[in-house]
Amino acid sequence: MKKESDEPVLSDDYPVHCGYLYVVNGEAIHSPIDGTIADLKRIFKVAEVRRCDIAWRELWDEAL
């Protein structure tokens, strides 16, 4: 049985790094910017962004 994901909603002032994985609308995306979660929310026009649980999503190759 697979454990539950650990993907909390991130606060607007949380730092974002270009190329890192974040969850937007339930999908893992690579951030196109360095900035904050507020910046990422504006770009993708979403209300929330979550931390990406790479292990749970089995995206080890994507994270490289």
PDB file of N, CA and C in Angstrom:
ATOM      1  N   MET A   1       0.843  -1.175   0.000  1.00  0.00           N
ATOM      2  CA  MET A   1       0.000   0.000   0.000  1.00  0.00           C
ATOM      3  C   MET A   1       0.894   1.246   0.000  1.00  0.00           C
ATOM      4  N   LYS A   2       0.597   2.172  -0.869  1.00  0.00           N
ATOM      5  CA  LYS A   2       1.379   3.388  -1.017  1.00  0.00           C
ATOM      6  C   LYS A   2       0.978   4.400   0.049  1.00  0.00           C
ATOM      7  N   LYS A   3       1.988   5.031   0.685  1.00  0.00           N
ATOM      8  CA  LYS A   3       1.688   6.057   1.693  1.00  0.00           C
ATOM      9  C   LYS A   3       1.018   7.251   1.029  1.00  0.00           C
ATOM     10  N   GLU A   4       0.421   8.097   1.852  1.00  0.00           N
ATOM     11  CA  GLU A   4      -0.180   9.322   1.311  1.00  0.00           C
ATOM     12  C   GLU A   4       0.909  10.312   0.952  1.00  0.00           C
ATOM     13  N   SER A   5       0.616  11.181   0.014  1.00  0.00           N
ATOM     14  CA  SER A   5       1.595  12.186  -0.401  1.00  0.00           C
ATOM     15  C   SER A   5       1.787  13.233   0.693  1.00  0.00           C
ATOM     16  N   ASP A   6       2.928  13.891   0.642  1.00  0.00           N
ATOM     17  CA  ASP A   6       3.229  14.995   1.552  1.00  0.00           C
ATOM     18  C   ASP A   6       3.375  16.236   0.692  1.00  0.00           C
ATOM     19  N   GLU A   7       2.238  16.830   0.326  1.00  0.00           N
ATOM     20  CA  GLU A   7       2.224  17.978  -0.577  1.00  0.00           C
ATOM     21  C   GLU A   7       1.387  19.116  -0.004  1.00  0.00           C
ATOM     22  N   PRO A   8       1.917  19.773   1.042  1.00  0.00           N
ATOM     23  CA  PRO A   8       1.148  20.873   1.634  1.00  0.00           C
ATOM     24  C   PRO A   8       1.074  22.084   0.706  1.00  0.00           C
ATOM     25  N   VAL A   9       0.045  22.891   0.912  1.00  0.00           N
ATOM     26  CA  VAL A   9      -0.083  24.160   0.199  1.00  0.00           C
ATOM     27  C   VAL A   9       1.019  25.080   0.712  1.00  0.00           C
ATOM     28  N   LEU A  10       1.692  25.772  -0.206  1.00  0.00           N
ATOM     29  CA  LEU A  10       2.787  26.662   0.154  1.00  0.00           C
ATOM     30  C   LEU A  10       2.294  28.105   0.262  1.00  0.00           C
ATOM     31  N   SER A  11       2.856  28.850   1.209  1.00  0.00           N
ATOM     32  CA  SER A  11       2.457  30.242   1.419  1.00  0.00           C
ATOM     33  C   SER A  11       3.002  31.133   0.307  1.00  0.00           C
ATOM     34  N   ASP A  12       2.352  32.262   0.098  1.00  0.00           N
ATOM     35  CA  ASP A  12       2.709  33.175  -0.991  1.00  0.00           C
ATOM     36  C   ASP A  12       4.156  33.654  -0.932  1.00  0.00           C
ATOM     37  N   ASP A  13       4.725  33.752   0.259  1.00  0.00           N
ATOM     38  CA  ASP A  13       6.101  34.245   0.373  1.00  0.00           C
ATOM     39  C   ASP A  13       7.164  33.141   0.312  1.00  0.00           C
ATOM     40  N   TYR A  14       6.726  31.907   0.108  1.00  0.00           N
ATOM     41  CA  TYR A  14       7.659  30.770   0.013  1.00  0.00           C
ATOM     42  C   TYR A  14       8.509  30.928  -1.253  1.00  0.00           C
ATOM     43  N   PRO A  15       9.838  30.740  -1.147  1.00  0.00           N
ATOM     44  CA  PRO A  15      10.701  30.906  -2.325  1.00  0.00           C
ATOM     45  C   PRO A  15      10.506  29.804  -3.359  1.00  0.00           C
ATOM     46  N   VAL A  16      10.595  30.170  -4.619  1.00  0.00           N
ATOM     47  CA  VAL A  16      10.455  29.263  -5.755  1.00  0.00           C
ATOM     48  C   VAL A  16      11.767  29.303  -6.540  1.00  0.00           C
ATOM     49  N   HIS A  17      12.191  28.147  -7.004  1.00  0.00           N
ATOM     50  CA  HIS A  17      13.447  28.059  -7.748  1.00  0.00           C
ATOM     51  C   HIS A  17      13.192  27.513  -9.148  1.00  0.00           C
ATOM     52  N   CYS A  18      13.762  28.148 -10.132  1.00  0.00           N
ATOM     53  CA  CYS A  18      13.601  27.741 -11.527  1.00  0.00           C
ATOM     54  C   CYS A  18      14.028  26.289 -11.704  1.00  0.00           C
ATOM     55  N   GLY A  19      13.161  25.500 -12.334  1.00  0.00           N
ATOM     56  CA  GLY A  19      13.459  24.101 -12.598  1.00  0.00           C
ATOM     57  C   GLY A  19      12.983  23.140 -11.528  1.00  0.00           C
ATOM     58  N   TYR A  20      12.673  23.640 -10.321  1.00  0.00           N
ATOM     59  CA  TYR A  20      12.183  22.768  -9.258  1.00  0.00           C
ATOM     60  C   TYR A  20      10.737  22.364  -9.567  1.00  0.00           C
ATOM     61  N   LEU A  21      10.329  21.219  -9.037  1.00  0.00           N
ATOM     62  CA  LEU A  21       8.970  20.729  -9.240  1.00  0.00           C
ATOM     63  C   LEU A  21       8.022  21.254  -8.167  1.00  0.00           C
ATOM     64  N   TYR A  22       6.859  21.697  -8.603  1.00  0.00           N
ATOM     65  CA  TYR A  22       5.773  22.140  -7.732  1.00  0.00           C
ATOM     66  C   TYR A  22       4.489  21.544  -8.292  1.00  0.00           C
ATOM     67  N   VAL A  23       3.430  21.486  -7.483  1.00  0.00           N
ATOM     68  CA  VAL A  23       2.156  20.928  -7.941  1.00  0.00           C
ATOM     69  C   VAL A  23       1.178  22.068  -8.189  1.00  0.00           C
ATOM     70  N   VAL A  24       0.699  22.151  -9.438  1.00  0.00           N
ATOM     71  CA  VAL A  24      -0.266  23.156  -9.868  1.00  0.00           C
ATOM     72  C   VAL A  24      -1.430  22.415 -10.519  1.00  0.00           C
ATOM     73  N   ASN A  25      -2.635  22.643 -10.022  1.00  0.00           N
ATOM     74  CA  ASN A  25      -3.827  21.951 -10.549  1.00  0.00           C
ATOM     75  C   ASN A  25      -3.655  20.440 -10.562  1.00  0.00           C
ATOM     76  N   GLY A  26      -2.993  19.902  -9.534  1.00  0.00           N
ATOM     77  CA  GLY A  26      -2.828  18.461  -9.398  1.00  0.00           C
ATOM     78  C   GLY A  26      -1.723  17.854 -10.244  1.00  0.00           C
ATOM     79  N   GLU A  27      -1.026  18.670 -11.021  1.00  0.00           N
ATOM     80  CA  GLU A  27       0.052  18.181 -11.881  1.00  0.00           C
ATOM     81  C   GLU A  27       1.391  18.737 -11.436  1.00  0.00           C
ATOM     82  N   ALA A  28       2.430  17.911 -11.524  1.00  0.00           N
ATOM     83  CA  ALA A  28       3.779  18.371 -11.218  1.00  0.00           C
ATOM     84  C   ALA A  28       4.297  19.192 -12.401  1.00  0.00           C
ATOM     85  N   ILE A  29       4.787  20.383 -12.090  1.00  0.00           N
ATOM     86  CA  ILE A  29       5.339  21.261 -13.131  1.00  0.00           C
ATOM     87  C   ILE A  29       6.722  21.738 -12.696  1.00  0.00           C
ATOM     88  N   HIS A  30       7.571  22.029 -13.672  1.00  0.00           N
ATOM     89  CA  HIS A  30       8.853  22.656 -13.385  1.00  0.00           C
ATOM     90  C   HIS A  30       8.624  24.161 -13.370  1.00  0.00           C
ATOM     91  N   SER A  31       9.085  24.802 -12.323  1.00  0.00           N
ATOM     92  CA  SER A  31       8.933  26.262 -12.248  1.00  0.00           C
ATOM     93  C   SER A  31       9.749  26.922 -13.351  1.00  0.00           C
ATOM     94  N   PRO A  32       9.142  27.867 -14.065  1.00  0.00           N
ATOM     95  CA  PRO A  32       9.877  28.594 -15.096  1.00  0.00           C
ATOM     96  C   PRO A  32      10.628  29.815 -14.538  1.00  0.00           C
ATOM     97  N   ILE A  33      10.506  30.058 -13.219  1.00  0.00           N
ATOM     98  CA  ILE A  33      11.066  31.281 -12.629  1.00  0.00           C
ATOM     99  C   ILE A  33      11.771  31.020 -11.303  1.00  0.00           C
ATOM    100  N   ASP A  34      12.587  31.989 -10.896  1.00  0.00           N
ATOM    101  CA  ASP A  34      13.031  32.145  -9.513  1.00  0.00           C
ATOM    102  C   ASP A  34      12.160  33.266  -8.971  1.00  0.00           C
ATOM    103  N   GLY A  35      11.596  33.075  -7.805  1.00  0.00           N
ATOM    104  CA  GLY A  35      10.724  34.101  -7.230  1.00  0.00           C
ATOM    105  C   GLY A  35      10.018  33.561  -6.011  1.00  0.00           C
ATOM    106  N   THR A  36       8.711  33.790  -5.940  1.00  0.00           N
ATOM    107  CA  THR A  36       7.903  33.317  -4.814  1.00  0.00           C
ATOM    108  C   THR A  36       6.683  32.565  -5.333  1.00  0.00           C
ATOM    109  N   ILE A  37       6.009  31.911  -4.409  1.00  0.00           N
ATOM    110  CA  ILE A  37       4.767  31.212  -4.764  1.00  0.00           C
ATOM    111  C   ILE A  37       3.758  32.194  -5.335  1.00  0.00           C
ATOM    112  N   ALA A  38       3.703  33.404  -4.797  1.00  0.00           N
ATOM    113  CA  ALA A  38       2.776  34.421  -5.329  1.00  0.00           C
ATOM    114  C   ALA A  38       3.050  34.670  -6.814  1.00  0.00           C
ATOM    115  N   ASP A  39       4.321  34.726  -7.198  1.00  0.00           N
ATOM    116  CA  ASP A  39       4.680  34.913  -8.612  1.00  0.00           C
ATOM    117  C   ASP A  39       4.201  33.735  -9.450  1.00  0.00           C
ATOM    118  N   LEU A  40       4.423  32.532  -8.949  1.00  0.00           N
ATOM    119  CA  LEU A  40       4.012  31.322  -9.677  1.00  0.00           C
ATOM    120  C   LEU A  40       2.486  31.274  -9.824  1.00  0.00           C
ATOM    121  N   LYS A  41       1.768  31.673  -8.782  1.00  0.00           N
ATOM    122  CA  LYS A  41       0.306  31.698  -8.846  1.00  0.00           C
ATOM    123  C   LYS A  41      -0.184  32.670  -9.919  1.00  0.00           C
ATOM    124  N   ARG A  42       0.483  33.811 -10.046  1.00  0.00           N
ATOM    125  CA  ARG A  42       0.108  34.782 -11.085  1.00  0.00           C
ATOM    126  C   ARG A  42       0.356  34.215 -12.484  1.00  0.00           C
ATOM    127  N   ILE A  43       1.478  33.556 -12.665  1.00  0.00           N
ATOM    128  CA  ILE A  43       1.821  32.990 -13.979  1.00  0.00           C
ATOM    129  C   ILE A  43       0.809  31.933 -14.408  1.00  0.00           C
ATOM    130  N   PHE A  44       0.468  31.020 -13.487  1.00  0.00           N
ATOM    131  CA  PHE A  44      -0.427  29.914 -13.824  1.00  0.00           C
ATOM    132  C   PHE A  44      -1.893  30.220 -13.538  1.00  0.00           C
ATOM    133  N   LYS A  45      -2.155  31.411 -12.985  1.00  0.00           N
ATOM    134  CA  LYS A  45      -3.529  31.828 -12.679  1.00  0.00           C
ATOM    135  C   LYS A  45      -4.265  30.785 -11.825  1.00  0.00           C
ATOM    136  N   VAL A  46      -3.645  30.448 -10.699  1.00  0.00           N
ATOM    137  CA  VAL A  46      -4.208  29.469  -9.768  1.00  0.00           C
ATOM    138  C   VAL A  46      -4.278  30.057  -8.371  1.00  0.00           C
ATOM    139  N   ALA A  47      -5.101  29.440  -7.527  1.00  0.00           N
ATOM    140  CA  ALA A  47      -5.273  29.908  -6.155  1.00  0.00           C
ATOM    141  C   ALA A  47      -4.274  29.273  -5.196  1.00  0.00           C
ATOM    142  N   GLU A  48      -3.724  28.091  -5.555  1.00  0.00           N
ATOM    143  CA  GLU A  48      -2.775  27.447  -4.669  1.00  0.00           C
ATOM    144  C   GLU A  48      -1.704  26.691  -5.442  1.00  0.00           C
ATOM    145  N   VAL A  49      -0.549  26.579  -4.792  1.00  0.00           N
ATOM    146  CA  VAL A  49       0.576  25.801  -5.312  1.00  0.00           C
ATOM    147  C   VAL A  49       1.043  24.926  -4.156  1.00  0.00           C
ATOM    148  N   ARG A  50       1.342  23.682  -4.461  1.00  0.00           N
ATOM    149  CA  ARG A  50       1.768  22.736  -3.427  1.00  0.00           C
ATOM    150  C   ARG A  50       3.199  22.279  -3.654  1.00  0.00           C
ATOM    151  N   ARG A  51       3.827  21.864  -2.560  1.00  0.00           N
ATOM    152  CA  ARG A  51       5.141  21.238  -2.659  1.00  0.00           C
ATOM    153  C   ARG A  51       4.955  19.906  -3.379  1.00  0.00           C
ATOM    154  N   CYS A  52       5.893  19.516  -4.201  1.00  0.00           N
ATOM    155  CA  CYS A  52       5.809  18.262  -4.939  1.00  0.00           C
ATOM    156  C   CYS A  52       6.529  17.156  -4.176  1.00  0.00           C
ATOM    157  N   ASP A  53       5.809  16.085  -3.868  1.00  0.00           N
ATOM    158  CA  ASP A  53       6.383  14.908  -3.224  1.00  0.00           C
ATOM    159  C   ASP A  53       6.921  14.006  -4.334  1.00  0.00           C
ATOM    160  N   ILE A  54       8.177  14.229  -4.695  1.00  0.00           N
ATOM    161  CA  ILE A  54       8.801  13.544  -5.836  1.00  0.00           C
ATOM    162  C   ILE A  54       8.785  12.032  -5.652  1.00  0.00           C
ATOM    163  N   ALA A  55       9.077  11.563  -4.442  1.00  0.00           N
ATOM    164  CA  ALA A  55       9.111  10.115  -4.186  1.00  0.00           C
ATOM    165  C   ALA A  55       7.719   9.505  -4.355  1.00  0.00           C
ATOM    166  N   TRP A  56       6.696  10.156  -3.792  1.00  0.00           N
ATOM    167  CA  TRP A  56       5.337   9.631  -3.884  1.00  0.00           C
ATOM    168  C   TRP A  56       4.858   9.576  -5.335  1.00  0.00           C
ATOM    169  N   ARG A  57       5.213  10.590  -6.109  1.00  0.00           N
ATOM    170  CA  ARG A  57       4.822  10.648  -7.518  1.00  0.00           C
ATOM    171  C   ARG A  57       5.757   9.855  -8.429  1.00  0.00           C
ATOM    172  N   GLU A  58       6.825   9.313  -7.832  1.00  0.00           N
ATOM    173  CA  GLU A  58       7.812   8.530  -8.570  1.00  0.00           C
ATOM    174  C   GLU A  58       8.383   9.317  -9.750  1.00  0.00           C
ATOM    175  N   LEU A  59       8.819  10.535  -9.454  1.00  0.00           N
ATOM    176  CA  LEU A  59       9.354  11.435 -10.471  1.00  0.00           C
ATOM    177  C   LEU A  59      10.846  11.674 -10.287  1.00  0.00           C
ATOM    178  N   TRP A  60      11.573  10.661  -9.833  1.00  0.00           N
ATOM    179  CA  TRP A  60      13.003  10.839  -9.591  1.00  0.00           C
ATOM    180  C   TRP A  60      13.717  11.329 -10.845  1.00  0.00           C
ATOM    181  N   ASP A  61      13.417  10.771 -12.002  1.00  0.00           N
ATOM    182  CA  ASP A  61      14.081  11.193 -13.247  1.00  0.00           C
ATOM    183  C   ASP A  61      13.716  12.627 -13.625  1.00  0.00           C
ATOM    184  N   GLU A  62      12.487  13.049 -13.321  1.00  0.00           N
ATOM    185  CA  GLU A  62      12.041  14.398 -13.612  1.00  0.00           C
ATOM    186  C   GLU A  62      12.782  15.433 -12.772  1.00  0.00           C
ATOM    187  N   ALA A  63      13.190  15.023 -11.566  1.00  0.00           N
ATOM    188  CA  ALA A  63      13.825  15.952 -10.638  1.00  0.00           C
ATOM    189  C   ALA A  63      15.297  16.196 -10.977  1.00  0.00           C
ATOM    190  N   LEU A  64      15.847  15.406 -11.841  1.00  0.00           N
ATOM    191  CA  LEU A  64      17.270  15.554 -12.180  1.00  0.00           C
ATOM    192  C   LEU A  64      17.518  16.634 -13.195  1.00  0.00           C
TER     193      LEU A  64
END
